[in-house]
Amino acid sequence: MSLPRFKLVFFSPASKTSAILEHLFTKFPAHVGKIGNYEHCAFLSRGTGQFRPTAGARPAIGSVGALEAVVEDRVEVLVLDRVRDVVQELQAVHPYEEVAYDVYKLEDF
């Protein structure tokens, strides 16, 4: 029986993406970005993210009340089994106070 597979999609400032990915690959070498005989697998696409921090926010970029636009990467990576641990670690190392991410359960066909 194979391990449950998930796709983790998250957004990060382009300047931080490599460090975040390297951290996850190193901490979870058998669980993140491993596809068959390949490792450190990920898909990145670049775009612009925007947000306006509200009262009580502690933004890593920008300031409360000001609309901010940031060059960000959309990162897609395969996670085997330990998706909750990986998401917790992502939240710990990501520079944003609120990390934008999605998790999709993958099926075998």
PDB file of N, CA and C in Angstrom:
ATOM      1  N   MET A   1       0.846  -1.194   0.000  1.00  0.00           N
ATOM      2  CA  MET A   1       0.000   0.000   0.000  1.00  0.00           C
ATOM      3  C   MET A   1       0.883   1.245   0.000  1.00  0.00           C
ATOM      4  N   SER A   2       0.572   2.180  -0.867  1.00  0.00           N
ATOM      5  CA  SER A   2       1.394   3.390  -0.962  1.00  0.00           C
ATOM      6  C   SER A   2       0.932   4.436   0.055  1.00  0.00           C
ATOM      7  N   LEU A   3       1.825   5.363   0.337  1.00  0.00           N
ATOM      8  CA  LEU A   3       1.525   6.444   1.276  1.00  0.00           C
ATOM      9  C   LEU A   3       0.511   7.410   0.666  1.00  0.00           C
ATOM     10  N   PRO A   4      -0.330   8.038   1.496  1.00  0.00           N
ATOM     11  CA  PRO A   4      -1.227   9.068   0.970  1.00  0.00           C
ATOM     12  C   PRO A   4      -0.415  10.212   0.354  1.00  0.00           C
ATOM     13  N   ARG A   5      -0.914  10.729  -0.780  1.00  0.00           N
ATOM     14  CA  ARG A   5      -0.207  11.800  -1.484  1.00  0.00           C
ATOM     15  C   ARG A   5      -1.051  13.066  -1.486  1.00  0.00           C
ATOM     16  N   PHE A   6      -0.359  14.186  -1.325  1.00  0.00           N
ATOM     17  CA  PHE A   6      -1.010  15.491  -1.312  1.00  0.00           C
ATOM     18  C   PHE A   6      -0.209  16.449  -2.181  1.00  0.00           C
ATOM     19  N   LYS A   7      -0.915  17.427  -2.740  1.00  0.00           N
ATOM     20  CA  LYS A   7      -0.226  18.535  -3.391  1.00  0.00           C
ATOM     21  C   LYS A   7      -0.383  19.740  -2.476  1.00  0.00           C
ATOM     22  N   LEU A   8       0.743  20.316  -2.084  1.00  0.00           N
ATOM     23  CA  LEU A   8       0.757  21.540  -1.292  1.00  0.00           C
ATOM     24  C   LEU A   8       1.051  22.694  -2.240  1.00  0.00           C
ATOM     25  N   VAL A   9       0.185  23.683  -2.232  1.00  0.00           N
ATOM     26  CA  VAL A   9       0.369  24.895  -3.028  1.00  0.00           C
ATOM     27  C   VAL A   9       0.465  26.056  -2.050  1.00  0.00           C
ATOM     28  N   PHE A  10       1.537  26.842  -2.173  1.00  0.00           N
ATOM     29  CA  PHE A  10       1.652  28.023  -1.318  1.00  0.00           C
ATOM     30  C   PHE A  10       2.249  29.176  -2.105  1.00  0.00           C
ATOM     31  N   PHE A  11       2.091  30.360  -1.554  1.00  0.00           N
ATOM     32  CA  PHE A  11       2.587  31.581  -2.182  1.00  0.00           C
ATOM     33  C   PHE A  11       3.619  32.206  -1.262  1.00  0.00           C
ATOM     34  N   SER A  12       4.724  32.666  -1.856  1.00  0.00           N
ATOM     35  CA  SER A  12       5.768  33.297  -1.043  1.00  0.00           C
ATOM     36  C   SER A  12       6.399  34.439  -1.826  1.00  0.00           C
ATOM     37  N   PRO A  13       6.963  35.425  -1.105  1.00  0.00           N
ATOM     38  CA  PRO A  13       7.711  36.459  -1.810  1.00  0.00           C
ATOM     39  C   PRO A  13       8.813  35.779  -2.629  1.00  0.00           C
ATOM     40  N   ALA A  14       8.990  36.204  -3.860  1.00  0.00           N
ATOM     41  CA  ALA A  14       9.956  35.550  -4.749  1.00  0.00           C
ATOM     42  C   ALA A  14      11.348  35.469  -4.130  1.00  0.00           C
ATOM     43  N   SER A  15      11.714  36.450  -3.348  1.00  0.00           N
ATOM     44  CA  SER A  15      13.051  36.467  -2.745  1.00  0.00           C
ATOM     45  C   SER A  15      13.227  35.422  -1.645  1.00  0.00           C
ATOM     46  N   LYS A  16      12.141  34.819  -1.173  1.00  0.00           N
ATOM     47  CA  LYS A  16      12.208  33.847  -0.068  1.00  0.00           C
ATOM     48  C   LYS A  16      11.907  32.416  -0.501  1.00  0.00           C
ATOM     49  N   THR A  17      11.447  32.224  -1.728  1.00  0.00           N
ATOM     50  CA  THR A  17      10.989  30.907  -2.170  1.00  0.00           C
ATOM     51  C   THR A  17      12.065  29.839  -2.064  1.00  0.00           C
ATOM     52  N   SER A  18      13.253  30.109  -2.566  1.00  0.00           N
ATOM     53  CA  SER A  18      14.325  29.096  -2.548  1.00  0.00           C
ATOM     54  C   SER A  18      14.651  28.648  -1.133  1.00  0.00           C
ATOM     55  N   ALA A  19      14.732  29.588  -0.205  1.00  0.00           N
ATOM     56  CA  ALA A  19      15.063  29.245   1.183  1.00  0.00           C
ATOM     57  C   ALA A  19      13.959  28.408   1.821  1.00  0.00           C
ATOM     58  N   ILE A  20      12.708  28.754   1.560  1.00  0.00           N
ATOM     59  CA  ILE A  20      11.591  27.981   2.114  1.00  0.00           C
ATOM     60  C   ILE A  20      11.619  26.563   1.565  1.00  0.00           C
ATOM     61  N   LEU A  21      11.741  26.434   0.245  1.00  0.00           N
ATOM     62  CA  LEU A  21      11.777  25.103  -0.361  1.00  0.00           C
ATOM     63  C   LEU A  21      12.950  24.283   0.160  1.00  0.00           C
ATOM     64  N   GLU A  22      14.125  24.868   0.207  1.00  0.00           N
ATOM     65  CA  GLU A  22      15.307  24.138   0.675  1.00  0.00           C
ATOM     66  C   GLU A  22      15.101  23.653   2.106  1.00  0.00           C
ATOM     67  N   HIS A  23      14.493  24.485   2.934  1.00  0.00           N
ATOM     68  CA  HIS A  23      14.219  24.089   4.319  1.00  0.00           C
ATOM     69  C   HIS A  23      13.284  22.878   4.359  1.00  0.00           C
ATOM     70  N   LEU A  24      12.198  22.922   3.582  1.00  0.00           N
ATOM     71  CA  LEU A  24      11.249  21.808   3.575  1.00  0.00           C
ATOM     72  C   LEU A  24      11.865  20.543   2.993  1.00  0.00           C
ATOM     73  N   PHE A  25      12.639  20.683   1.910  1.00  0.00           N
ATOM     74  CA  PHE A  25      13.304  19.516   1.320  1.00  0.00           C
ATOM     75  C   PHE A  25      14.273  18.881   2.309  1.00  0.00           C
ATOM     76  N   THR A  26      14.987  19.700   3.062  1.00  0.00           N
ATOM     77  CA  THR A  26      15.991  19.208   4.013  1.00  0.00           C
ATOM     78  C   THR A  26      15.333  18.581   5.241  1.00  0.00           C
ATOM     79  N   LYS A  27      14.288  19.206   5.745  1.00  0.00           N
ATOM     80  CA  LYS A  27      13.625  18.698   6.960  1.00  0.00           C
ATOM     81  C   LYS A  27      12.812  17.435   6.686  1.00  0.00           C
ATOM     82  N   PHE A  28      12.246  17.322   5.483  1.00  0.00           N
ATOM     83  CA  PHE A  28      11.389  16.187   5.126  1.00  0.00           C
ATOM     84  C   PHE A  28      11.863  15.544   3.815  1.00  0.00           C
ATOM     85  N   PRO A  29      13.079  15.010   3.768  1.00  0.00           N
ATOM     86  CA  PRO A  29      13.639  14.528   2.500  1.00  0.00           C
ATOM     87  C   PRO A  29      12.859  13.380   1.856  1.00  0.00           C
ATOM     88  N   ALA A  30      12.192  12.565   2.647  1.00  0.00           N
ATOM     89  CA  ALA A  30      11.436  11.440   2.094  1.00  0.00           C
ATOM     90  C   ALA A  30       9.974  11.800   1.831  1.00  0.00           C
ATOM     91  N   HIS A  31       9.575  13.015   2.184  1.00  0.00           N
ATOM     92  CA  HIS A  31       8.154  13.362   2.127  1.00  0.00           C
ATOM     93  C   HIS A  31       7.819  14.573   1.264  1.00  0.00           C
ATOM     94  N   VAL A  32       8.762  15.442   0.992  1.00  0.00           N
ATOM     95  CA  VAL A  32       8.476  16.665   0.233  1.00  0.00           C
ATOM     96  C   VAL A  32       9.290  16.684  -1.058  1.00  0.00           C
ATOM     97  N   GLY A  33       8.590  16.839  -2.186  1.00  0.00           N
ATOM     98  CA  GLY A  33       9.272  17.008  -3.464  1.00  0.00           C
ATOM     99  C   GLY A  33       9.953  15.769  -3.995  1.00  0.00           C
ATOM    100  N   LYS A  34       9.511  14.600  -3.575  1.00  0.00           N
ATOM    101  CA  LYS A  34      10.123  13.348  -4.042  1.00  0.00           C
ATOM    102  C   LYS A  34       9.130  12.656  -4.970  1.00  0.00           C
ATOM    103  N   ILE A  35       9.579  12.415  -6.199  1.00  0.00           N
ATOM    104  CA  ILE A  35       8.758  11.718  -7.187  1.00  0.00           C
ATOM    105  C   ILE A  35       9.615  10.627  -7.802  1.00  0.00           C
ATOM    106  N   GLY A  36       9.341   9.370  -7.449  1.00  0.00           N
ATOM    107  CA  GLY A  36      10.136   8.250  -7.951  1.00  0.00           C
ATOM    108  C   GLY A  36      11.593   8.421  -7.581  1.00  0.00           C
ATOM    109  N   ASN A  37      12.468   8.397  -8.572  1.00  0.00           N
ATOM    110  CA  ASN A  37      13.908   8.545  -8.356  1.00  0.00           C
ATOM    111  C   ASN A  37      14.375   9.997  -8.445  1.00  0.00           C
ATOM    112  N   TYR A  38      13.452  10.937  -8.302  1.00  0.00           N
ATOM    113  CA  TYR A  38      13.786  12.359  -8.369  1.00  0.00           C
ATOM    114  C   TYR A  38      13.456  13.018  -7.036  1.00  0.00           C
ATOM    115  N   GLU A  39      14.246  14.005  -6.660  1.00  0.00           N
ATOM    116  CA  GLU A  39      13.996  14.735  -5.421  1.00  0.00           C
ATOM    117  C   GLU A  39      14.042  16.234  -5.696  1.00  0.00           C
ATOM    118  N   HIS A  40      13.625  17.028  -4.735  1.00  0.00           N
ATOM    119  CA  HIS A  40      13.572  18.492  -4.839  1.00  0.00           C
ATOM    120  C   HIS A  40      12.688  18.934  -6.008  1.00  0.00           C
ATOM    121  N   CYS A  41      11.625  18.174  -6.276  1.00  0.00           N
ATOM    122  CA  CYS A  41      10.712  18.493  -7.372  1.00  0.00           C
ATOM    123  C   CYS A  41       9.691  19.535  -6.914  1.00  0.00           C
ATOM    124  N   ALA A  42       9.505  20.553  -7.709  1.00  0.00           N
ATOM    125  CA  ALA A  42       8.508  21.586  -7.424  1.00  0.00           C
ATOM    126  C   ALA A  42       8.191  22.313  -8.719  1.00  0.00           C
ATOM    127  N   PHE A  43       7.041  22.943  -8.757  1.00  0.00           N
ATOM    128  CA  PHE A  43       6.678  23.798  -9.878  1.00  0.00           C
ATOM    129  C   PHE A  43       6.468  25.201  -9.336  1.00  0.00           C
ATOM    130  N   LEU A  44       7.075  26.183  -9.985  1.00  0.00           N
ATOM    131  CA  LEU A  44       6.958  27.576  -9.562  1.00  0.00           C
ATOM    132  C   LEU A  44       6.423  28.415 -10.713  1.00  0.00           C
ATOM    133  N   SER A  45       5.512  29.301 -10.398  1.00  0.00           N
ATOM    134  CA  SER A  45       5.080  30.305 -11.368  1.00  0.00           C
ATOM    135  C   SER A  45       5.045  31.649 -10.650  1.00  0.00           C
ATOM    136  N   ARG A  46       5.445  32.673 -11.345  1.00  0.00           N
ATOM    137  CA  ARG A  46       5.606  33.996 -10.740  1.00  0.00           C
ATOM    138  C   ARG A  46       4.416  34.889 -11.089  1.00  0.00           C
ATOM    139  N   GLY A  47       4.037  35.709 -10.135  1.00  0.00           N
ATOM    140  CA  GLY A  47       2.942  36.650 -10.333  1.00  0.00           C
ATOM    141  C   GLY A  47       3.016  37.753  -9.294  1.00  0.00           C
ATOM    142  N   THR A  48       1.952  38.503  -9.196  1.00  0.00           N
ATOM    143  CA  THR A  48       1.887  39.587  -8.224  1.00  0.00           C
ATOM    144  C   THR A  48       0.759  39.313  -7.239  1.00  0.00           C
ATOM    145  N   GLY A  49       1.110  39.308  -5.966  1.00  0.00           N
ATOM    146  CA  GLY A  49       0.106  39.166  -4.912  1.00  0.00           C
ATOM    147  C   GLY A  49      -0.160  40.528  -4.300  1.00  0.00           C
ATOM    148  N   GLN A  50      -1.367  40.719  -3.797  1.00  0.00           N
ATOM    149  CA  GLN A  50      -1.661  41.992  -3.141  1.00  0.00           C
ATOM    150  C   GLN A  50      -2.421  41.747  -1.851  1.00  0.00           C
ATOM    151  N   PHE A  51      -2.275  42.686  -0.930  1.00  0.00           N
ATOM    152  CA  PHE A  51      -2.949  42.610   0.363  1.00  0.00           C
ATOM    153  C   PHE A  51      -2.910  43.983   1.022  1.00  0.00           C
ATOM    154  N   ARG A  52      -3.845  44.181   1.944  1.00  0.00           N
ATOM    155  CA  ARG A  52      -3.872  45.399   2.753  1.00  0.00           C
ATOM    156  C   ARG A  52      -3.953  44.957   4.213  1.00  0.00           C
ATOM    157  N   PRO A  53      -2.878  45.118   4.978  1.00  0.00           N
ATOM    158  CA  PRO A  53      -2.916  44.763   6.397  1.00  0.00           C
ATOM    159  C   PRO A  53      -3.924  45.651   7.137  1.00  0.00           C
ATOM    160  N   THR A  54      -4.698  45.041   8.017  1.00  0.00           N
ATOM    161  CA  THR A  54      -5.681  45.782   8.805  1.00  0.00           C
ATOM    162  C   THR A  54      -5.196  45.922  10.244  1.00  0.00           C
ATOM    163  N   ALA A  55      -5.955  46.640  11.047  1.00  0.00           N
ATOM    164  CA  ALA A  55      -5.580  46.877  12.445  1.00  0.00           C
ATOM    165  C   ALA A  55      -5.279  45.555  13.146  1.00  0.00           C
ATOM    166  N   GLY A  56      -4.189  45.520  13.869  1.00  0.00           N
ATOM    167  CA  GLY A  56      -3.780  44.320  14.589  1.00  0.00           C
ATOM    168  C   GLY A  56      -2.790  43.458  13.826  1.00  0.00           C
ATOM    169  N   ALA A  57      -2.635  43.706  12.528  1.00  0.00           N
ATOM    170  CA  ALA A  57      -1.683  42.933  11.718  1.00  0.00           C
ATOM    171  C   ALA A  57      -0.258  43.386  12.017  1.00  0.00           C
ATOM    172  N   ARG A  58       0.673  42.456  11.842  1.00  0.00           N
ATOM    173  CA  ARG A  58       2.106  42.756  11.947  1.00  0.00           C
ATOM    174  C   ARG A  58       2.759  42.318  10.633  1.00  0.00           C
ATOM    175  N   PRO A  59       2.574  43.094   9.574  1.00  0.00           N
ATOM    176  CA  PRO A  59       3.039  42.660   8.255  1.00  0.00           C
ATOM    177  C   PRO A  59       4.565  42.592   8.138  1.00  0.00           C
ATOM    178  N   ALA A  60       5.038  41.535   7.480  1.00  0.00           N
ATOM    179  CA  ALA A  60       6.471  41.402   7.191  1.00  0.00           C
ATOM    180  C   ALA A  60       6.870  42.360   6.075  1.00  0.00           C
ATOM    181  N   ILE A  61       5.910  42.684   5.223  1.00  0.00           N
ATOM    182  CA  ILE A  61       6.115  43.608   4.105  1.00  0.00           C
ATOM    183  C   ILE A  61       4.951  44.593   4.131  1.00  0.00           C
ATOM    184  N   GLY A  62       5.226  45.870   3.935  1.00  0.00           N
ATOM    185  CA  GLY A  62       4.172  46.872   3.894  1.00  0.00           C
ATOM    186  C   GLY A  62       3.816  47.392   5.270  1.00  0.00           C
ATOM    187  N   SER A  63       2.714  48.142   5.330  1.00  0.00           N
ATOM    188  CA  SER A  63       2.292  48.723   6.603  1.00  0.00           C
ATOM    189  C   SER A  63       0.773  48.683   6.712  1.00  0.00           C
ATOM    190  N   VAL A  64       0.296  48.730   7.934  1.00  0.00           N
ATOM    191  CA  VAL A  64      -1.140  48.662   8.207  1.00  0.00           C
ATOM    192  C   VAL A  64      -1.863  49.777   7.452  1.00  0.00           C
ATOM    193  N   GLY A  65      -2.930  49.398   6.761  1.00  0.00           N
ATOM    194  CA  GLY A  65      -3.762  50.353   6.041  1.00  0.00           C
ATOM    195  C   GLY A  65      -3.347  50.628   4.612  1.00  0.00           C
ATOM    196  N   ALA A  66      -2.146  50.226   4.221  1.00  0.00           N
ATOM    197  CA  ALA A  66      -1.656  50.503   2.866  1.00  0.00           C
ATOM    198  C   ALA A  66      -1.754  49.250   1.997  1.00  0.00           C
ATOM    199  N   LEU A  67      -2.314  49.412   0.797  1.00  0.00           N
ATOM    200  CA  LEU A  67      -2.381  48.310  -0.153  1.00  0.00           C
ATOM    201  C   LEU A  67      -0.974  48.020  -0.652  1.00  0.00           C
ATOM    202  N   GLU A  68      -0.578  46.773  -0.596  1.00  0.00           N
ATOM    203  CA  GLU A  68       0.780  46.360  -0.974  1.00  0.00           C
ATOM    204  C   GLU A  68       0.699  45.362  -2.123  1.00  0.00           C
ATOM    205  N   ALA A  69       1.590  45.474  -3.093  1.00  0.00           N
ATOM    206  CA  ALA A  69       1.721  44.508  -4.184  1.00  0.00           C
ATOM    207  C   ALA A  69       3.130  43.936  -4.122  1.00  0.00           C
ATOM    208  N   VAL A  70       3.229  42.609  -4.180  1.00  0.00           N
ATOM    209  CA  VAL A  70       4.510  41.929  -3.998  1.00  0.00           C
ATOM    210  C   VAL A  70       4.693  40.895  -5.102  1.00  0.00           C
ATOM    211  N   VAL A  71       5.896  40.837  -5.673  1.00  0.00           N
ATOM    212  CA  VAL A  71       6.221  39.774  -6.619  1.00  0.00           C
ATOM    213  C   VAL A  71       6.323  38.484  -5.813  1.00  0.00           C
ATOM    214  N   GLU A  72       5.452  37.528  -6.147  1.00  0.00           N
ATOM    215  CA  GLU A  72       5.391  36.273  -5.401  1.00  0.00           C
ATOM    216  C   GLU A  72       5.496  35.082  -6.337  1.00  0.00           C
ATOM    217  N   ASP A  73       5.887  33.955  -5.754  1.00  0.00           N
ATOM    218  CA  ASP A  73       5.878  32.683  -6.465  1.00  0.00           C
ATOM    219  C   ASP A  73       4.723  31.840  -5.963  1.00  0.00           C
ATOM    220  N   ARG A  74       4.051  31.183  -6.886  1.00  0.00           N
ATOM    221  CA  ARG A  74       3.110  30.118  -6.552  1.00  0.00           C
ATOM    222  C   ARG A  74       3.942  28.851  -6.618  1.00  0.00           C
ATOM    223  N   VAL A  75       3.999  28.116  -5.530  1.00  0.00           N
ATOM    224  CA  VAL A  75       4.828  26.919  -5.432  1.00  0.00           C
ATOM    225  C   VAL A  75       3.918  25.711  -5.280  1.00  0.00           C
ATOM    226  N   GLU A  76       4.140  24.691  -6.108  1.00  0.00           N
ATOM    227  CA  GLU A  76       3.399  23.438  -6.010  1.00  0.00           C
ATOM    228  C   GLU A  76       4.401  22.326  -5.749  1.00  0.00           C
ATOM    229  N   VAL A  77       4.126  21.531  -4.710  1.00  0.00           N
ATOM    230  CA  VAL A  77       5.060  20.474  -4.346  1.00  0.00           C
ATOM    231  C   VAL A  77       4.277  19.257  -3.852  1.00  0.00           C
ATOM    232  N   LEU A  78       4.759  18.066  -4.192  1.00  0.00           N
ATOM    233  CA  LEU A  78       4.158  16.815  -3.745  1.00  0.00           C
ATOM    234  C   LEU A  78       4.593  16.532  -2.313  1.00  0.00           C
ATOM    235  N   VAL A  79       3.631  16.137  -1.475  1.00  0.00           N
ATOM    236  CA  VAL A  79       3.923  15.763  -0.090  1.00  0.00           C
ATOM    237  C   VAL A  79       3.390  14.354   0.136  1.00  0.00           C
ATOM    238  N   LEU A  80       4.254  13.477   0.607  1.00  0.00           N
ATOM    239  CA  LEU A  80       3.851  12.112   0.927  1.00  0.00           C
ATOM    240  C   LEU A  80       3.550  12.005   2.416  1.00  0.00           C
ATOM    241  N   ASP A  81       2.324  11.709   2.750  1.00  0.00           N
ATOM    242  CA  ASP A  81       1.880  11.318   4.084  1.00  0.00           C
ATOM    243  C   ASP A  81       1.889  12.415   5.146  1.00  0.00           C
ATOM    244  N   ARG A  82       2.968  13.088   5.407  1.00  0.00           N
ATOM    245  CA  ARG A  82       3.102  13.971   6.581  1.00  0.00           C
ATOM    246  C   ARG A  82       2.685  15.417   6.298  1.00  0.00           C
ATOM    247  N   VAL A  83       1.581  15.595   5.636  1.00  0.00           N
ATOM    248  CA  VAL A  83       1.191  16.929   5.177  1.00  0.00           C
ATOM    249  C   VAL A  83       0.940  17.897   6.335  1.00  0.00           C
ATOM    250  N   ARG A  84       0.379  17.442   7.434  1.00  0.00           N
ATOM    251  CA  ARG A  84       0.134  18.349   8.571  1.00  0.00           C
ATOM    252  C   ARG A  84       1.451  18.866   9.153  1.00  0.00           C
ATOM    253  N   ASP A  85       2.435  17.979   9.288  1.00  0.00           N
ATOM    254  CA  ASP A  85       3.753  18.394   9.782  1.00  0.00           C
ATOM    255  C   ASP A  85       4.406  19.388   8.826  1.00  0.00           C
ATOM    256  N   VAL A  86       4.275  19.118   7.532  1.00  0.00           N
ATOM    257  CA  VAL A  86       4.888  19.987   6.522  1.00  0.00           C
ATOM    258  C   VAL A  86       4.234  21.372   6.542  1.00  0.00           C
ATOM    259  N   VAL A  87       2.917  21.429   6.648  1.00  0.00           N
ATOM    260  CA  VAL A  87       2.223  22.723   6.704  1.00  0.00           C
ATOM    261  C   VAL A  87       2.623  23.488   7.963  1.00  0.00           C
ATOM    262  N   GLN A  88       2.722  22.796   9.091  1.00  0.00           N
ATOM    263  CA  GLN A  88       3.173  23.459  10.329  1.00  0.00           C
ATOM    264  C   GLN A  88       4.559  24.061  10.151  1.00  0.00           C
ATOM    265  N   GLU A  89       5.453  23.316   9.521  1.00  0.00           N
ATOM    266  CA  GLU A  89       6.816  23.802   9.298  1.00  0.00           C
ATOM    267  C   GLU A  89       6.814  24.966   8.317  1.00  0.00           C
ATOM    268  N   LEU A  90       6.003  24.875   7.266  1.00  0.00           N
ATOM    269  CA  LEU A  90       5.872  25.985   6.316  1.00  0.00           C
ATOM    270  C   LEU A  90       5.454  27.257   7.051  1.00  0.00           C
ATOM    271  N   GLN A  91       4.464  27.149   7.918  1.00  0.00           N
ATOM    272  CA  GLN A  91       3.993  28.316   8.662  1.00  0.00           C
ATOM    273  C   GLN A  91       5.077  28.868   9.586  1.00  0.00           C
ATOM    274  N   ALA A  92       5.929  28.000  10.108  1.00  0.00           N
ATOM    275  CA  ALA A  92       6.995  28.439  11.019  1.00  0.00           C
ATOM    276  C   ALA A  92       8.117  29.179  10.292  1.00  0.00           C
ATOM    277  N   VAL A  93       8.421  28.786   9.045  1.00  0.00           N
ATOM    278  CA  VAL A  93       9.571  29.380   8.344  1.00  0.00           C
ATOM    279  C   VAL A  93       9.181  30.465   7.333  1.00  0.00           C
ATOM    280  N   HIS A  94       7.916  30.547   6.993  1.00  0.00           N
ATOM    281  CA  HIS A  94       7.446  31.524   6.008  1.00  0.00           C
ATOM    282  C   HIS A  94       7.479  32.927   6.625  1.00  0.00           C
ATOM    283  N   PRO A  95       7.874  33.946   5.859  1.00  0.00           N
ATOM    284  CA  PRO A  95       7.958  35.295   6.434  1.00  0.00           C
ATOM    285  C   PRO A  95       6.604  35.948   6.714  1.00  0.00           C
ATOM    286  N   TYR A  96       5.542  35.508   6.044  1.00  0.00           N
ATOM    287  CA  TYR A  96       4.244  36.155   6.224  1.00  0.00           C
ATOM    288  C   TYR A  96       3.571  35.717   7.518  1.00  0.00           C
ATOM    289  N   GLU A  97       2.885  36.648   8.136  1.00  0.00           N
ATOM    290  CA  GLU A  97       2.098  36.378   9.342  1.00  0.00           C
ATOM    291  C   GLU A  97       0.959  35.398   9.032  1.00  0.00           C
ATOM    292  N   GLU A  98       0.317  35.568   7.879  1.00  0.00           N
ATOM    293  CA  GLU A  98      -0.749  34.675   7.413  1.00  0.00           C
ATOM    294  C   GLU A  98      -0.283  34.050   6.104  1.00  0.00           C
ATOM    295  N   VAL A  99      -0.003  32.764   6.124  1.00  0.00           N
ATOM    296  CA  VAL A  99       0.514  32.068   4.941  1.00  0.00           C
ATOM    297  C   VAL A  99      -0.662  31.605   4.083  1.00  0.00           C
ATOM    298  N   ALA A 100      -0.642  31.977   2.812  1.00  0.00           N
ATOM    299  CA  ALA A 100      -1.670  31.519   1.877  1.00  0.00           C
ATOM    300  C   ALA A 100      -1.236  30.168   1.318  1.00  0.00           C
ATOM    301  N   TYR A 101      -2.035  29.129   1.583  1.00  0.00           N
ATOM    302  CA  TYR A 101      -1.705  27.794   1.083  1.00  0.00           C
ATOM    303  C   TYR A 101      -2.979  26.985   0.875  1.00  0.00           C
ATOM    304  N   ASP A 102      -2.879  25.975   0.029  1.00  0.00           N
ATOM    305  CA  ASP A 102      -3.948  25.006  -0.208  1.00  0.00           C
ATOM    306  C   ASP A 102      -3.330  23.619  -0.163  1.00  0.00           C
ATOM    307  N   VAL A 103      -4.119  22.639   0.268  1.00  0.00           N
ATOM    308  CA  VAL A 103      -3.691  21.241   0.273  1.00  0.00           C
ATOM    309  C   VAL A 103      -4.741  20.443  -0.490  1.00  0.00           C
ATOM    310  N   TYR A 104      -4.281  19.644  -1.448  1.00  0.00           N
ATOM    311  CA  TYR A 104      -5.161  18.792  -2.242  1.00  0.00           C
ATOM    312  C   TYR A 104      -4.767  17.340  -2.028  1.00  0.00           C
ATOM    313  N   LYS A 105      -5.734  16.485  -1.730  1.00  0.00           N
ATOM    314  CA  LYS A 105      -5.459  15.049  -1.626  1.00  0.00           C
ATOM    315  C   LYS A 105      -5.458  14.485  -3.039  1.00  0.00           C
ATOM    316  N   LEU A 106      -4.432  13.722  -3.359  1.00  0.00           N
ATOM    317  CA  LEU A 106      -4.297  13.151  -4.697  1.00  0.00           C
ATOM    318  C   LEU A 106      -4.744  11.695  -4.699  1.00  0.00           C
ATOM    319  N   GLU A 107      -5.330  11.271  -5.788  1.00  0.00           N
ATOM    320  CA  GLU A 107      -5.796   9.895  -5.951  1.00  0.00           C
ATOM    321  C   GLU A 107      -4.899   9.161  -6.933  1.00  0.00           C
ATOM    322  N   ASP A 108      -4.805   7.849  -6.774  1.00  0.00           N
ATOM    323  CA  ASP A 108      -4.070   7.008  -7.724  1.00  0.00           C
ATOM    324  C   ASP A 108      -5.047   6.469  -8.762  1.00  0.00           C
ATOM    325  N   PHE A 109      -4.659   6.517 -10.022  1.00  0.00           N
ATOM    326  CA  PHE A 109      -5.486   5.976 -11.100  1.00  0.00           C
ATOM    327  C   PHE A 109      -4.691   4.974 -11.888  1.00  0.00           C
TER     328      PHE A 109
END
